[in-house]
Amino acid sequence: MSKLLTFLGASLGGSLGWWLGAGGGIMTAFVVSMLGTGIGMYAGRRIAGRLLD
């Protein structure tokens, strides 16, 4: 369950980051997407931790 939520968080965070950064060009979209992926992974792990405890 933890890995699934981490994957979903990374996917959603990366997509949202790309969408937010796309207006600034492809490099900005990439960087913001990577930040979104990291934040999404963190959030997914925290949610999984709270659900499984």
PDB file of N, CA and C in Angstrom:
ATOM      1  N   MET A   1       0.822  -1.189   0.000  1.00  0.00           N
ATOM      2  CA  MET A   1       0.000   0.000   0.000  1.00  0.00           C
ATOM      3  C   MET A   1       0.871   1.260   0.000  1.00  0.00           C
ATOM      4  N   SER A   2       1.957   1.205   0.743  1.00  0.00           N
ATOM      5  CA  SER A   2       2.846   2.352   0.826  1.00  0.00           C
ATOM      6  C   SER A   2       3.457   2.687  -0.536  1.00  0.00           C
ATOM      7  N   LYS A   3       3.899   1.660  -1.250  1.00  0.00           N
ATOM      8  CA  LYS A   3       4.507   1.898  -2.561  1.00  0.00           C
ATOM      9  C   LYS A   3       3.487   2.429  -3.557  1.00  0.00           C
ATOM     10  N   LEU A   4       2.256   1.940  -3.481  1.00  0.00           N
ATOM     11  CA  LEU A   4       1.209   2.412  -4.387  1.00  0.00           C
ATOM     12  C   LEU A   4       0.908   3.887  -4.140  1.00  0.00           C
ATOM     13  N   LEU A   5       0.743   4.270  -2.890  1.00  0.00           N
ATOM     14  CA  LEU A   5       0.460   5.672  -2.579  1.00  0.00           C
ATOM     15  C   LEU A   5       1.644   6.578  -2.906  1.00  0.00           C
ATOM     16  N   THR A   6       2.845   6.076  -2.726  1.00  0.00           N
ATOM     17  CA  THR A   6       4.029   6.856  -3.108  1.00  0.00           C
ATOM     18  C   THR A   6       4.057   7.076  -4.612  1.00  0.00           C
ATOM     19  N   PHE A   7       3.760   6.021  -5.373  1.00  0.00           N
ATOM     20  CA  PHE A   7       3.724   6.132  -6.829  1.00  0.00           C
ATOM     21  C   PHE A   7       2.632   7.096  -7.290  1.00  0.00           C
ATOM     22  N   LEU A   8       1.451   6.983  -6.702  1.00  0.00           N
ATOM     23  CA  LEU A   8       0.363   7.889  -7.076  1.00  0.00           C
ATOM     24  C   LEU A   8       0.702   9.341  -6.737  1.00  0.00           C
ATOM     25  N   GLY A   9       1.289   9.555  -5.575  1.00  0.00           N
ATOM     26  CA  GLY A   9       1.698  10.906  -5.191  1.00  0.00           C
ATOM     27  C   GLY A   9       2.738  11.478  -6.137  1.00  0.00           C
ATOM     28  N   ALA A  10       3.707  10.636  -6.529  1.00  0.00           N
ATOM     29  CA  ALA A  10       4.746  11.092  -7.458  1.00  0.00           C
ATOM     30  C   ALA A  10       4.146  11.424  -8.815  1.00  0.00           C
ATOM     31  N   SER A  11       3.242  10.598  -9.287  1.00  0.00           N
ATOM     32  CA  SER A  11       2.618  10.831 -10.592  1.00  0.00           C
ATOM     33  C   SER A  11       1.777  12.104 -10.593  1.00  0.00           C
ATOM     34  N   LEU A  12       0.950  12.248  -9.571  1.00  0.00           N
ATOM     35  CA  LEU A  12       0.102  13.441  -9.501  1.00  0.00           C
ATOM     36  C   LEU A  12       0.926  14.709  -9.274  1.00  0.00           C
ATOM     37  N   GLY A  13       1.915  14.621  -8.399  1.00  0.00           N
ATOM     38  CA  GLY A  13       2.767  15.787  -8.139  1.00  0.00           C
ATOM     39  C   GLY A  13       3.570  16.202  -9.358  1.00  0.00           C
ATOM     40  N   GLY A  14       4.105  15.217 -10.082  1.00  0.00           N
ATOM     41  CA  GLY A  14       4.861  15.518 -11.296  1.00  0.00           C
ATOM     42  C   GLY A  14       4.000  16.126 -12.383  1.00  0.00           C
ATOM     43  N   SER A  15       2.804  15.585 -12.543  1.00  0.00           N
ATOM     44  CA  SER A  15       1.882  16.127 -13.554  1.00  0.00           C
ATOM     45  C   SER A  15       1.465  17.549 -13.218  1.00  0.00           C
ATOM     46  N   LEU A  16       1.134  17.762 -11.962  1.00  0.00           N
ATOM     47  CA  LEU A  16       0.740  19.102 -11.531  1.00  0.00           C
ATOM     48  C   LEU A  16       1.899  20.083 -11.689  1.00  0.00           C
ATOM     49  N   GLY A  17       3.101  19.645 -11.341  1.00  0.00           N
ATOM     50  CA  GLY A  17       4.273  20.499 -11.495  1.00  0.00           C
ATOM     51  C   GLY A  17       4.545  20.855 -12.944  1.00  0.00           C
ATOM     52  N   TRP A  18       4.390  19.872 -13.836  1.00  0.00           N
ATOM     53  CA  TRP A  18       4.606  20.148 -15.256  1.00  0.00           C
ATOM     54  C   TRP A  18       3.587  21.157 -15.758  1.00  0.00           C
ATOM     55  N   TRP A  19       2.336  20.962 -15.348  1.00  0.00           N
ATOM     56  CA  TRP A  19       1.266  21.866 -15.776  1.00  0.00           C
ATOM     57  C   TRP A  19       1.534  23.292 -15.275  1.00  0.00           C
ATOM     58  N   LEU A  20       1.987  23.404 -14.034  1.00  0.00           N
ATOM     59  CA  LEU A  20       2.259  24.728 -13.475  1.00  0.00           C
ATOM     60  C   LEU A  20       3.473  25.391 -14.126  1.00  0.00           C
ATOM     61  N   GLY A  21       4.486  24.607 -14.481  1.00  0.00           N
ATOM     62  CA  GLY A  21       5.708  25.180 -15.027  1.00  0.00           C
ATOM     63  C   GLY A  21       5.729  25.317 -16.533  1.00  0.00           C
ATOM     64  N   ALA A  22       4.739  24.780 -17.223  1.00  0.00           N
ATOM     65  CA  ALA A  22       4.739  24.769 -18.685  1.00  0.00           C
ATOM     66  C   ALA A  22       4.717  26.168 -19.292  1.00  0.00           C
ATOM     67  N   GLY A  23       4.152  27.117 -18.586  1.00  0.00           N
ATOM     68  CA  GLY A  23       4.099  28.482 -19.112  1.00  0.00           C
ATOM     69  C   GLY A  23       5.469  29.129 -19.208  1.00  0.00           C
ATOM     70  N   GLY A  24       6.421  28.653 -18.451  1.00  0.00           N
ATOM     71  CA  GLY A  24       7.751  29.245 -18.431  1.00  0.00           C
ATOM     72  C   GLY A  24       8.746  28.582 -19.362  1.00  0.00           C
ATOM     73  N   GLY A  25       8.310  27.573 -20.103  1.00  0.00           N
ATOM     74  CA  GLY A  25       9.216  26.872 -21.010  1.00  0.00           C
ATOM     75  C   GLY A  25       9.440  25.446 -20.544  1.00  0.00           C
ATOM     76  N   ILE A  26      10.099  24.678 -21.400  1.00  0.00           N
ATOM     77  CA  ILE A  26      10.258  23.253 -21.120  1.00  0.00           C
ATOM     78  C   ILE A  26      11.202  22.990 -19.943  1.00  0.00           C
ATOM     79  N   MET A  27      12.236  23.788 -19.796  1.00  0.00           N
ATOM     80  CA  MET A  27      13.165  23.568 -18.686  1.00  0.00           C
ATOM     81  C   MET A  27      12.512  23.926 -17.358  1.00  0.00           C
ATOM     82  N   THR A  28      11.753  24.988 -17.329  1.00  0.00           N
ATOM     83  CA  THR A  28      11.024  25.356 -16.118  1.00  0.00           C
ATOM     84  C   THR A  28      10.008  24.278 -15.768  1.00  0.00           C
ATOM     85  N   ALA A  29       9.313  23.774 -16.787  1.00  0.00           N
ATOM     86  CA  ALA A  29       8.341  22.705 -16.558  1.00  0.00           C
ATOM     87  C   ALA A  29       9.027  21.472 -15.977  1.00  0.00           C
ATOM     88  N   PHE A  30      10.200  21.138 -16.488  1.00  0.00           N
ATOM     89  CA  PHE A  30      10.935  19.979 -15.988  1.00  0.00           C
ATOM     90  C   PHE A  30      11.328  20.149 -14.522  1.00  0.00           C
ATOM     91  N   VAL A  31      11.876  21.298 -14.190  1.00  0.00           N
ATOM     92  CA  VAL A  31      12.335  21.544 -12.820  1.00  0.00           C
ATOM     93  C   VAL A  31      11.154  21.544 -11.847  1.00  0.00           C
ATOM     94  N   VAL A  32      10.075  22.219 -12.209  1.00  0.00           N
ATOM     95  CA  VAL A  32       8.897  22.268 -11.342  1.00  0.00           C
ATOM     96  C   VAL A  32       8.273  20.881 -11.231  1.00  0.00           C
ATOM     97  N   SER A  33       8.329  20.106 -12.303  1.00  0.00           N
ATOM     98  CA  SER A  33       7.822  18.744 -12.274  1.00  0.00           C
ATOM     99  C   SER A  33       8.627  17.877 -11.313  1.00  0.00           C
ATOM    100  N   MET A  34       9.934  18.034 -11.301  1.00  0.00           N
ATOM    101  CA  MET A  34      10.762  17.265 -10.373  1.00  0.00           C
ATOM    102  C   MET A  34      10.465  17.653  -8.918  1.00  0.00           C
ATOM    103  N   LEU A  35      10.273  18.928  -8.678  1.00  0.00           N
ATOM    104  CA  LEU A  35       9.890  19.360  -7.334  1.00  0.00           C
ATOM    105  C   LEU A  35       8.530  18.776  -6.950  1.00  0.00           C
ATOM    106  N   GLY A  36       7.592  18.811  -7.882  1.00  0.00           N
ATOM    107  CA  GLY A  36       6.270  18.239  -7.627  1.00  0.00           C
ATOM    108  C   GLY A  36       6.330  16.744  -7.374  1.00  0.00           C
ATOM    109  N   THR A  37       7.208  16.053  -8.094  1.00  0.00           N
ATOM    110  CA  THR A  37       7.376  14.615  -7.881  1.00  0.00           C
ATOM    111  C   THR A  37       7.874  14.339  -6.466  1.00  0.00           C
ATOM    112  N   GLY A  38       8.868  15.085  -6.034  1.00  0.00           N
ATOM    113  CA  GLY A  38       9.392  14.895  -4.683  1.00  0.00           C
ATOM    114  C   GLY A  38       8.364  15.196  -3.613  1.00  0.00           C
ATOM    115  N   ILE A  39       7.633  16.266  -3.783  1.00  0.00           N
ATOM    116  CA  ILE A  39       6.599  16.626  -2.813  1.00  0.00           C
ATOM    117  C   ILE A  39       5.487  15.581  -2.811  1.00  0.00           C
ATOM    118  N   GLY A  40       5.121  15.099  -3.998  1.00  0.00           N
ATOM    119  CA  GLY A  40       4.093  14.066  -4.093  1.00  0.00           C
ATOM    120  C   GLY A  40       4.520  12.764  -3.446  1.00  0.00           C
ATOM    121  N   MET A  41       5.791  12.398  -3.616  1.00  0.00           N
ATOM    122  CA  MET A  41       6.299  11.185  -2.967  1.00  0.00           C
ATOM    123  C   MET A  41       6.254  11.331  -1.448  1.00  0.00           C
ATOM    124  N   TYR A  42       6.669  12.475  -0.974  1.00  0.00           N
ATOM    125  CA  TYR A  42       6.646  12.731   0.467  1.00  0.00           C
ATOM    126  C   TYR A  42       5.218  12.645   1.010  1.00  0.00           C
ATOM    127  N   ALA A  43       4.295  13.289   0.309  1.00  0.00           N
ATOM    128  CA  ALA A  43       2.898  13.285   0.751  1.00  0.00           C
ATOM    129  C   ALA A  43       2.313  11.874   0.700  1.00  0.00           C
ATOM    130  N   GLY A  44       2.612  11.128  -0.348  1.00  0.00           N
ATOM    131  CA  GLY A  44       2.118   9.760  -0.459  1.00  0.00           C
ATOM    132  C   GLY A  44       2.613   8.875   0.667  1.00  0.00           C
ATOM    133  N   ARG A  45       3.895   9.021   1.020  1.00  0.00           N
ATOM    134  CA  ARG A  45       4.448   8.233   2.122  1.00  0.00           C
ATOM    135  C   ARG A  45       3.825   8.621   3.457  1.00  0.00           C
ATOM    136  N   ARG A  46       3.589   9.913   3.651  1.00  0.00           N
ATOM    137  CA  ARG A  46       2.965  10.365   4.904  1.00  0.00           C
ATOM    138  C   ARG A  46       1.541   9.847   5.020  1.00  0.00           C
ATOM    139  N   ILE A  47       0.797   9.903   3.914  1.00  0.00           N
ATOM    140  CA  ILE A  47      -0.579   9.401   3.928  1.00  0.00           C
ATOM    141  C   ILE A  47      -0.589   7.909   4.198  1.00  0.00           C
ATOM    142  N   ALA A  48       0.294   7.172   3.547  1.00  0.00           N
ATOM    143  CA  ALA A  48       0.375   5.723   3.764  1.00  0.00           C
ATOM    144  C   ALA A  48       0.743   5.426   5.217  1.00  0.00           C
ATOM    145  N   GLY A  49       1.659   6.183   5.771  1.00  0.00           N
ATOM    146  CA  GLY A  49       2.046   5.976   7.158  1.00  0.00           C
ATOM    147  C   GLY A  49       0.901   6.189   8.123  1.00  0.00           C
ATOM    148  N   ARG A  50       0.090   7.195   7.843  1.00  0.00           N
ATOM    149  CA  ARG A  50      -1.053   7.470   8.722  1.00  0.00           C
ATOM    150  C   ARG A  50      -2.146   6.416   8.566  1.00  0.00           C
ATOM    151  N   LEU A  51      -2.344   5.918   7.355  1.00  0.00           N
ATOM    152  CA  LEU A  51      -3.365   4.902   7.115  1.00  0.00           C
ATOM    153  C   LEU A  51      -2.980   3.548   7.695  1.00  0.00           C
ATOM    154  N   LEU A  52      -1.698   3.243   7.658  1.00  0.00           N
ATOM    155  CA  LEU A  52      -1.252   1.919   8.088  1.00  0.00           C
ATOM    156  C   LEU A  52      -0.923   1.844   9.571  1.00  0.00           C
ATOM    157  N   ASP A  53      -0.878   2.984  10.248  1.00  0.00           N
ATOM    158  CA  ASP A  53      -0.582   2.968  11.695  1.00  0.00           C
ATOM    159  C   ASP A  53      -1.814   2.712  12.513  1.00  0.00           C
TER     160      ASP A  53
END
